Amino acid sequence: MSDQSRQRATVFVGGLDSNVNEQTLHDAFLPFGEIVDVSLPKPELKSSTDRHRGFGYVEFSLAEDAREAIDNMDQSELYGRVIKCNQAKPQKDPNERLGSKTAIWEQEGYAAKYNVNEDEQLAGEDGAEGAAQDPMQGLEGLDVAGPQLK
């Protein structure tokens, strides 16, 4: 089975109670089709007393069975907690941080939108000519805050 078809056949189950184990999850989703694998990721901290991180994955043999399980089990109750079911998403690259992969100023169209050309960018970075003056310059003589009353 390819990674993409395997992903379509996998259901993410969130909001799990700490008492739920792999057998419980297997039994809850068994009516929807043949289950290939059930996994409950362990907590990252070894000192944690939790058995799992509050979510799990149920992999079916067919993508249709996974869709049927999502349709029927989303917002249902398991061990007194409402669970959330969605199609599983691919795992993120560990080197990738939050947000976009490229900085906003490196995206196409940014310079045109904000009228920034390379000469202005270089001048601003070097602190050379064309750099903005210090906004606090010229305020030395003001010793009273607030509006001036005449």
N, C-alpha and C. Protein backbone atom coordinates (compact mmCIF):
# COMPACT_ATOMS: atom_id res chain seq x y z
N MET A 1 0.85 -1.17 0.00
CA MET A 1 0.00 0.00 0.00
C MET A 1 0.90 1.24 0.00
N SER A 2 0.61 2.19 -0.88
CA SER A 2 1.43 3.40 -0.96
C SER A 2 1.17 4.28 0.27
N ASP A 3 2.09 5.20 0.51
CA ASP A 3 1.96 6.09 1.67
C ASP A 3 0.70 6.94 1.59
N GLN A 4 0.37 7.40 0.36
CA GLN A 4 -0.80 8.26 0.21
C GLN A 4 -2.09 7.48 0.46
N SER A 5 -2.21 6.28 -0.09
CA SER A 5 -3.42 5.49 0.14
C SER A 5 -3.49 5.01 1.58
N ARG A 6 -2.33 4.78 2.18
CA ARG A 6 -2.30 4.38 3.58
C ARG A 6 -2.77 5.54 4.46
N GLN A 7 -2.37 6.76 4.09
CA GLN A 7 -2.79 7.94 4.85
C GLN A 7 -4.30 8.13 4.74
N ARG A 8 -4.87 7.90 3.55
CA ARG A 8 -6.32 8.05 3.38
C ARG A 8 -7.10 7.02 4.20
N ALA A 9 -6.46 5.90 4.49
CA ALA A 9 -7.13 4.84 5.24
C ALA A 9 -6.88 4.95 6.74
N THR A 10 -6.22 6.03 7.18
CA THR A 10 -5.90 6.20 8.60
C THR A 10 -6.74 7.32 9.19
N VAL A 11 -7.29 7.05 10.36
CA VAL A 11 -8.15 7.99 11.06
C VAL A 11 -7.40 8.52 12.29
N PHE A 12 -7.38 9.85 12.43
CA PHE A 12 -6.85 10.49 13.64
C PHE A 12 -7.99 10.56 14.63
N VAL A 13 -7.74 10.14 15.87
CA VAL A 13 -8.74 10.18 16.92
C VAL A 13 -8.19 11.01 18.07
N GLY A 14 -8.80 12.15 18.33
CA GLY A 14 -8.32 13.05 19.39
C GLY A 14 -9.29 13.15 20.54
N GLY A 15 -8.80 13.67 21.65
CA GLY A 15 -9.63 13.86 22.84
C GLY A 15 -9.84 12.59 23.64
N LEU A 16 -8.88 11.69 23.58
CA LEU A 16 -9.03 10.40 24.26
C LEU A 16 -8.77 10.51 25.75
N ASP A 17 -9.54 9.79 26.52
CA ASP A 17 -9.35 9.68 27.95
C ASP A 17 -8.07 8.89 28.23
N SER A 18 -7.45 9.13 29.36
CA SER A 18 -6.19 8.44 29.67
C SER A 18 -6.37 6.94 29.89
N ASN A 19 -7.60 6.49 30.15
CA ASN A 19 -7.86 5.07 30.36
C ASN A 19 -8.02 4.29 29.05
N VAL A 20 -8.13 4.99 27.93
CA VAL A 20 -8.28 4.31 26.64
C VAL A 20 -6.94 3.67 26.26
N ASN A 21 -7.01 2.40 25.85
CA ASN A 21 -5.81 1.72 25.38
C ASN A 21 -6.02 1.27 23.93
N GLU A 22 -5.03 0.62 23.35
CA GLU A 22 -5.11 0.22 21.95
C GLU A 22 -6.26 -0.77 21.71
N GLN A 23 -6.49 -1.67 22.64
CA GLN A 23 -7.57 -2.65 22.48
C GLN A 23 -8.93 -1.96 22.52
N THR A 24 -9.10 -0.97 23.39
CA THR A 24 -10.36 -0.23 23.47
C THR A 24 -10.63 0.50 22.17
N LEU A 25 -9.60 1.16 21.63
CA LEU A 25 -9.74 1.90 20.38
C LEU A 25 -10.04 0.94 19.23
N HIS A 26 -9.38 -0.20 19.22
CA HIS A 26 -9.62 -1.23 18.19
C HIS A 26 -11.07 -1.69 18.24
N ASP A 27 -11.56 -1.99 19.42
CA ASP A 27 -12.93 -2.48 19.57
C ASP A 27 -13.96 -1.42 19.18
N ALA A 28 -13.68 -0.15 19.47
CA ALA A 28 -14.62 0.93 19.16
C ALA A 28 -14.75 1.15 17.65
N PHE A 29 -13.68 0.93 16.90
CA PHE A 29 -13.69 1.19 15.47
C PHE A 29 -13.86 -0.07 14.62
N LEU A 30 -13.88 -1.22 15.22
CA LEU A 30 -14.01 -2.49 14.50
C LEU A 30 -15.29 -2.60 13.66
N PRO A 31 -16.44 -2.06 14.07
CA PRO A 31 -17.65 -2.18 13.26
C PRO A 31 -17.56 -1.54 11.87
N PHE A 32 -16.56 -0.69 11.64
CA PHE A 32 -16.50 0.03 10.37
C PHE A 32 -15.63 -0.64 9.32
N GLY A 33 -14.92 -1.67 9.68
CA GLY A 33 -14.11 -2.39 8.70
C GLY A 33 -12.89 -3.04 9.32
N GLU A 34 -12.12 -3.70 8.46
CA GLU A 34 -10.92 -4.40 8.91
C GLU A 34 -9.84 -3.40 9.32
N ILE A 35 -9.35 -3.55 10.54
CA ILE A 35 -8.34 -2.65 11.08
C ILE A 35 -6.96 -3.28 10.90
N VAL A 36 -6.04 -2.50 10.32
CA VAL A 36 -4.68 -2.97 10.09
C VAL A 36 -3.80 -2.67 11.29
N ASP A 37 -3.94 -1.46 11.86
CA ASP A 37 -3.07 -1.06 12.96
C ASP A 37 -3.75 -0.01 13.83
N VAL A 38 -3.44 -0.02 15.12
CA VAL A 38 -3.90 0.99 16.06
C VAL A 38 -2.67 1.46 16.83
N SER A 39 -2.49 2.78 16.92
CA SER A 39 -1.34 3.28 17.68
C SER A 39 -1.75 4.46 18.55
N LEU A 40 -1.19 4.50 19.73
CA LEU A 40 -1.38 5.58 20.70
C LEU A 40 0.01 6.13 21.04
N PRO A 41 0.40 7.27 20.46
CA PRO A 41 1.73 7.81 20.73
C PRO A 41 1.95 8.07 22.21
N LYS A 42 3.11 7.69 22.68
CA LYS A 42 3.49 7.86 24.09
C LYS A 42 3.91 9.31 24.34
N PRO A 43 3.81 9.77 25.60
CA PRO A 43 4.25 11.13 25.93
C PRO A 43 5.75 11.29 25.67
N GLU A 44 6.15 12.51 25.32
CA GLU A 44 7.56 12.77 25.05
C GLU A 44 8.38 12.74 26.33
N LEU A 45 7.80 13.17 27.43
CA LEU A 45 8.52 13.17 28.70
C LEU A 45 8.40 11.80 29.35
N LYS A 46 9.52 11.24 29.70
CA LYS A 46 9.53 9.90 30.31
C LYS A 46 8.90 9.91 31.69
N SER A 47 8.96 11.05 32.38
CA SER A 47 8.44 11.13 33.75
C SER A 47 6.92 11.26 33.81
N SER A 48 6.28 11.45 32.66
CA SER A 48 4.84 11.64 32.63
C SER A 48 4.12 10.36 33.05
N THR A 49 3.03 10.53 33.80
CA THR A 49 2.26 9.37 34.26
C THR A 49 1.19 8.97 33.25
N ASP A 50 1.01 9.78 32.18
CA ASP A 50 0.01 9.47 31.17
C ASP A 50 0.46 8.27 30.34
N ARG A 51 -0.51 7.46 29.96
CA ARG A 51 -0.22 6.29 29.12
C ARG A 51 0.00 6.67 27.67
N HIS A 52 -0.68 7.74 27.24
CA HIS A 52 -0.56 8.23 25.86
C HIS A 52 -0.79 9.73 25.86
N ARG A 53 -0.70 10.34 24.69
CA ARG A 53 -0.74 11.80 24.58
C ARG A 53 -2.15 12.34 24.35
N GLY A 54 -3.17 11.51 24.43
CA GLY A 54 -4.55 11.98 24.29
C GLY A 54 -5.10 11.86 22.89
N PHE A 55 -4.32 11.25 22.00
CA PHE A 55 -4.80 11.00 20.65
C PHE A 55 -4.21 9.70 20.14
N GLY A 56 -4.79 9.20 19.05
CA GLY A 56 -4.31 7.96 18.47
C GLY A 56 -4.65 7.87 17.00
N TYR A 57 -4.20 6.80 16.38
CA TYR A 57 -4.45 6.56 14.96
C TYR A 57 -4.99 5.16 14.77
N VAL A 58 -6.02 5.07 13.92
CA VAL A 58 -6.59 3.78 13.56
C VAL A 58 -6.45 3.64 12.06
N GLU A 59 -5.70 2.63 11.61
CA GLU A 59 -5.49 2.41 10.18
C GLU A 59 -6.37 1.26 9.71
N PHE A 60 -7.20 1.56 8.71
CA PHE A 60 -8.08 0.56 8.12
C PHE A 60 -7.44 -0.01 6.85
N SER A 61 -7.96 -1.15 6.40
CA SER A 61 -7.44 -1.73 5.15
C SER A 61 -7.96 -0.97 3.94
N LEU A 62 -9.15 -0.34 4.07
CA LEU A 62 -9.75 0.41 2.96
C LEU A 62 -10.04 1.85 3.36
N ALA A 63 -9.81 2.77 2.43
CA ALA A 63 -10.07 4.19 2.69
C ALA A 63 -11.55 4.45 2.92
N GLU A 64 -12.42 3.69 2.26
CA GLU A 64 -13.87 3.85 2.44
C GLU A 64 -14.27 3.55 3.88
N ASP A 65 -13.63 2.54 4.48
CA ASP A 65 -13.93 2.20 5.87
C ASP A 65 -13.52 3.34 6.81
N ALA A 66 -12.38 3.98 6.49
CA ALA A 66 -11.91 5.11 7.31
C ALA A 66 -12.90 6.26 7.22
N ARG A 67 -13.40 6.56 6.02
CA ARG A 67 -14.38 7.65 5.87
C ARG A 67 -15.66 7.33 6.64
N GLU A 68 -16.08 6.10 6.59
CA GLU A 68 -17.28 5.67 7.31
C GLU A 68 -17.08 5.82 8.83
N ALA A 69 -15.90 5.47 9.30
CA ALA A 69 -15.60 5.60 10.73
C ALA A 69 -15.60 7.07 11.15
N ILE A 70 -15.03 7.94 10.32
CA ILE A 70 -15.00 9.37 10.63
C ILE A 70 -16.42 9.92 10.69
N ASP A 71 -17.23 9.57 9.69
CA ASP A 71 -18.61 10.06 9.65
C ASP A 71 -19.41 9.63 10.87
N ASN A 72 -19.18 8.43 11.36
CA ASN A 72 -19.97 7.90 12.47
C ASN A 72 -19.39 8.18 13.86
N MET A 73 -18.08 8.30 13.96
CA MET A 73 -17.46 8.42 15.28
C MET A 73 -17.09 9.85 15.68
N ASP A 74 -17.02 10.77 14.71
CA ASP A 74 -16.68 12.15 15.04
C ASP A 74 -17.75 12.73 15.97
N GLN A 75 -17.32 13.35 17.05
CA GLN A 75 -18.19 13.95 18.07
C GLN A 75 -18.98 12.91 18.87
N SER A 76 -18.54 11.66 18.85
CA SER A 76 -19.19 10.64 19.67
C SER A 76 -18.48 10.59 21.03
N GLU A 77 -19.01 9.81 21.94
CA GLU A 77 -18.47 9.76 23.28
C GLU A 77 -17.78 8.42 23.52
N LEU A 78 -16.57 8.50 24.11
CA LEU A 78 -15.82 7.30 24.44
C LEU A 78 -15.21 7.51 25.82
N TYR A 79 -15.56 6.66 26.78
CA TYR A 79 -15.10 6.78 28.17
C TYR A 79 -15.47 8.14 28.76
N GLY A 80 -16.66 8.63 28.40
CA GLY A 80 -17.16 9.88 28.97
C GLY A 80 -16.59 11.15 28.35
N ARG A 81 -15.82 11.01 27.28
CA ARG A 81 -15.25 12.20 26.62
C ARG A 81 -15.65 12.20 25.15
N VAL A 82 -15.93 13.40 24.64
CA VAL A 82 -16.29 13.55 23.24
C VAL A 82 -15.00 13.49 22.42
N ILE A 83 -14.96 12.58 21.46
CA ILE A 83 -13.75 12.42 20.65
C ILE A 83 -13.91 13.11 19.30
N LYS A 84 -12.80 13.45 18.71
CA LYS A 84 -12.76 14.12 17.41
C LYS A 84 -12.05 13.18 16.44
N CYS A 85 -12.69 12.93 15.30
CA CYS A 85 -12.12 12.04 14.30
C CYS A 85 -11.94 12.77 12.98
N ASN A 86 -10.77 12.66 12.38
CA ASN A 86 -10.45 13.25 11.09
C ASN A 86 -9.54 12.31 10.32
N GLN A 87 -9.40 12.60 9.03
CA GLN A 87 -8.42 11.86 8.24
C GLN A 87 -7.03 12.28 8.72
N ALA A 88 -6.15 11.32 8.90
CA ALA A 88 -4.80 11.61 9.37
C ALA A 88 -4.03 12.42 8.34
N LYS A 89 -3.18 13.32 8.82
CA LYS A 89 -2.34 14.14 7.95
C LYS A 89 -0.91 13.61 8.01
N PRO A 90 -0.13 13.89 6.97
CA PRO A 90 1.25 13.39 7.00
C PRO A 90 2.05 14.04 8.11
N GLN A 91 3.02 13.32 8.64
CA GLN A 91 3.85 13.83 9.71
C GLN A 91 4.74 14.94 9.19
N LYS A 92 4.87 16.00 9.97
CA LYS A 92 5.70 17.13 9.57
C LYS A 92 7.18 16.79 9.72
N ASP A 93 7.98 17.47 8.90
CA ASP A 93 9.42 17.34 8.98
C ASP A 93 9.88 17.94 10.31
N PRO A 94 10.69 17.24 11.09
CA PRO A 94 11.10 17.77 12.39
C PRO A 94 11.89 19.07 12.30
N ASN A 95 12.51 19.35 11.15
CA ASN A 95 13.26 20.60 10.99
C ASN A 95 12.36 21.78 10.68
N GLU A 96 11.12 21.51 10.28
CA GLU A 96 10.19 22.58 9.91
C GLU A 96 9.59 23.19 11.16
N ARG A 97 9.63 24.50 11.24
CA ARG A 97 9.07 25.22 12.38
C ARG A 97 7.63 25.63 12.07
N LEU A 98 7.03 26.38 12.98
CA LEU A 98 5.68 26.87 12.78
C LEU A 98 5.62 27.81 11.58
N GLY A 99 4.50 27.82 10.89
CA GLY A 99 4.30 28.78 9.81
C GLY A 99 4.90 28.34 8.50
N SER A 100 5.19 29.31 7.68
CA SER A 100 5.65 29.07 6.33
C SER A 100 7.10 28.63 6.31
N LYS A 101 7.50 28.02 5.19
CA LYS A 101 8.87 27.59 5.03
C LYS A 101 9.78 28.73 4.57
N THR A 102 9.20 29.79 4.02
CA THR A 102 10.00 30.92 3.56
C THR A 102 9.55 32.19 4.27
N ALA A 103 10.49 33.09 4.46
CA ALA A 103 10.18 34.36 5.10
C ALA A 103 9.28 35.18 4.19
N ILE A 104 8.43 36.00 4.76
CA ILE A 104 7.46 36.75 3.97
C ILE A 104 8.15 37.69 3.00
N TRP A 105 9.28 38.29 3.39
CA TRP A 105 9.96 39.23 2.50
C TRP A 105 10.67 38.53 1.35
N GLU A 106 10.81 37.21 1.44
CA GLU A 106 11.41 36.46 0.35
C GLU A 106 10.37 35.92 -0.63
N GLN A 107 9.10 36.05 -0.30
CA GLN A 107 8.04 35.56 -1.17
C GLN A 107 7.88 36.47 -2.37
N GLU A 108 7.50 35.85 -3.47
CA GLU A 108 7.35 36.59 -4.72
C GLU A 108 6.23 37.63 -4.58
N GLY A 109 6.49 38.83 -5.05
CA GLY A 109 5.49 39.88 -5.02
C GLY A 109 5.56 40.79 -3.81
N TYR A 110 6.33 40.42 -2.80
CA TYR A 110 6.42 41.25 -1.60
C TYR A 110 7.05 42.61 -1.91
N ALA A 111 8.17 42.59 -2.63
CA ALA A 111 8.87 43.84 -2.94
C ALA A 111 7.99 44.77 -3.77
N ALA A 112 7.27 44.21 -4.73
CA ALA A 112 6.41 45.04 -5.58
C ALA A 112 5.26 45.63 -4.76
N LYS A 113 4.73 44.86 -3.85
CA LYS A 113 3.60 45.32 -3.06
C LYS A 113 3.99 46.46 -2.13
N TYR A 114 5.16 46.37 -1.56
CA TYR A 114 5.59 47.38 -0.59
C TYR A 114 6.61 48.35 -1.17
N ASN A 115 6.77 48.35 -2.50
CA ASN A 115 7.66 49.28 -3.21
C ASN A 115 9.06 49.31 -2.63
N VAL A 116 9.62 48.17 -2.41
CA VAL A 116 10.98 48.08 -1.89
C VAL A 116 11.86 47.55 -3.01
N ASN A 117 12.93 48.29 -3.33
CA ASN A 117 13.85 47.76 -4.32
C ASN A 117 15.13 47.35 -3.61
N GLU A 118 16.00 46.66 -4.32
CA GLU A 118 17.20 46.11 -3.69
C GLU A 118 18.12 47.19 -3.16
N ASP A 119 18.22 48.36 -3.86
CA ASP A 119 19.08 49.43 -3.39
C ASP A 119 18.63 49.94 -2.03
N GLU A 120 17.31 50.10 -1.85
CA GLU A 120 16.78 50.58 -0.57
C GLU A 120 17.00 49.54 0.52
N GLN A 121 16.83 48.26 0.16
CA GLN A 121 17.04 47.21 1.14
C GLN A 121 18.49 47.21 1.62
N LEU A 122 19.44 47.30 0.69
CA LEU A 122 20.84 47.29 1.05
C LEU A 122 21.20 48.51 1.88
N ALA A 123 20.68 49.68 1.53
CA ALA A 123 20.97 50.89 2.30
C ALA A 123 20.43 50.75 3.72
N GLY A 124 19.25 50.19 3.86
CA GLY A 124 18.65 50.01 5.18
C GLY A 124 19.43 49.01 6.02
N GLU A 125 19.94 47.96 5.39
CA GLU A 125 20.68 46.94 6.12
C GLU A 125 22.04 47.45 6.56
N ASP A 126 22.69 48.24 5.71
CA ASP A 126 24.04 48.73 6.02
C ASP A 126 24.01 49.91 6.97
N GLY A 127 22.87 50.58 7.10
CA GLY A 127 22.78 51.77 7.93
C GLY A 127 23.44 52.96 7.25
N ALA A 128 23.62 52.89 5.94
CA ALA A 128 24.28 53.96 5.19
C ALA A 128 23.26 55.00 4.81
N GLU A 129 23.59 55.80 3.80
CA GLU A 129 22.71 56.86 3.34
C GLU A 129 21.33 56.32 3.01
N GLY A 130 20.34 57.15 3.22
CA GLY A 130 18.97 56.75 2.90
C GLY A 130 18.29 56.06 4.06
N ALA A 131 19.03 55.76 5.11
CA ALA A 131 18.42 55.11 6.26
C ALA A 131 17.58 56.14 7.01
N ALA A 132 16.53 55.71 7.64
CA ALA A 132 15.63 56.61 8.35
C ALA A 132 16.36 57.25 9.54
N GLN A 133 16.02 58.51 9.82
CA GLN A 133 16.62 59.19 10.95
C GLN A 133 16.00 58.68 12.23
N ASP A 134 16.70 58.89 13.31
CA ASP A 134 16.24 58.48 14.62
C ASP A 134 15.00 59.29 14.98
N PRO A 135 13.86 58.64 15.27
CA PRO A 135 12.64 59.38 15.57
C PRO A 135 12.73 60.16 16.88
N MET A 136 13.69 59.85 17.73
CA MET A 136 13.83 60.54 19.01
C MET A 136 14.71 61.79 18.88
N GLN A 137 15.36 61.95 17.72
CA GLN A 137 16.24 63.09 17.52
C GLN A 137 15.44 64.38 17.49
N GLY A 138 15.91 65.40 18.19
CA GLY A 138 15.25 66.69 18.23
C GLY A 138 14.26 66.83 19.37
N LEU A 139 14.14 65.83 20.21
CA LEU A 139 13.20 65.89 21.33
C LEU A 139 13.89 66.24 22.65
N GLU A 140 15.20 66.54 22.58
CA GLU A 140 15.95 66.78 23.81
C GLU A 140 15.43 67.99 24.58
N GLY A 141 14.95 69.04 23.90
CA GLY A 141 14.50 70.26 24.55
C GLY A 141 13.14 70.13 25.22
N LEU A 142 12.44 69.09 24.96
CA LEU A 142 11.11 68.93 25.55
C LEU A 142 11.23 68.30 26.93
N ASP A 143 10.82 69.03 27.95
CA ASP A 143 10.93 68.50 29.29
C ASP A 143 9.57 68.26 29.95
N VAL A 144 8.48 68.56 29.25
CA VAL A 144 7.15 68.38 29.80
C VAL A 144 6.37 67.45 28.88
N ALA A 145 5.75 66.44 29.43
CA ALA A 145 4.95 65.52 28.65
C ALA A 145 3.54 66.07 28.49
N GLY A 146 2.88 65.69 27.44
CA GLY A 146 1.50 66.08 27.23
C GLY A 146 1.38 67.27 26.33
N PRO A 147 0.14 67.74 26.10
CA PRO A 147 -0.07 68.85 25.17
C PRO A 147 0.39 70.18 25.78
N GLN A 148 0.81 71.06 24.92
CA GLN A 148 1.27 72.40 25.35
C GLN A 148 0.06 73.33 25.40
N LEU A 149 -0.21 73.93 26.53
CA LEU A 149 -1.31 74.89 26.68
C LEU A 149 -0.77 76.29 26.49
N LYS A 150 -1.46 77.12 25.73
CA LYS A 150 -0.99 78.46 25.47
C LYS A 150 -1.80 79.47 26.22
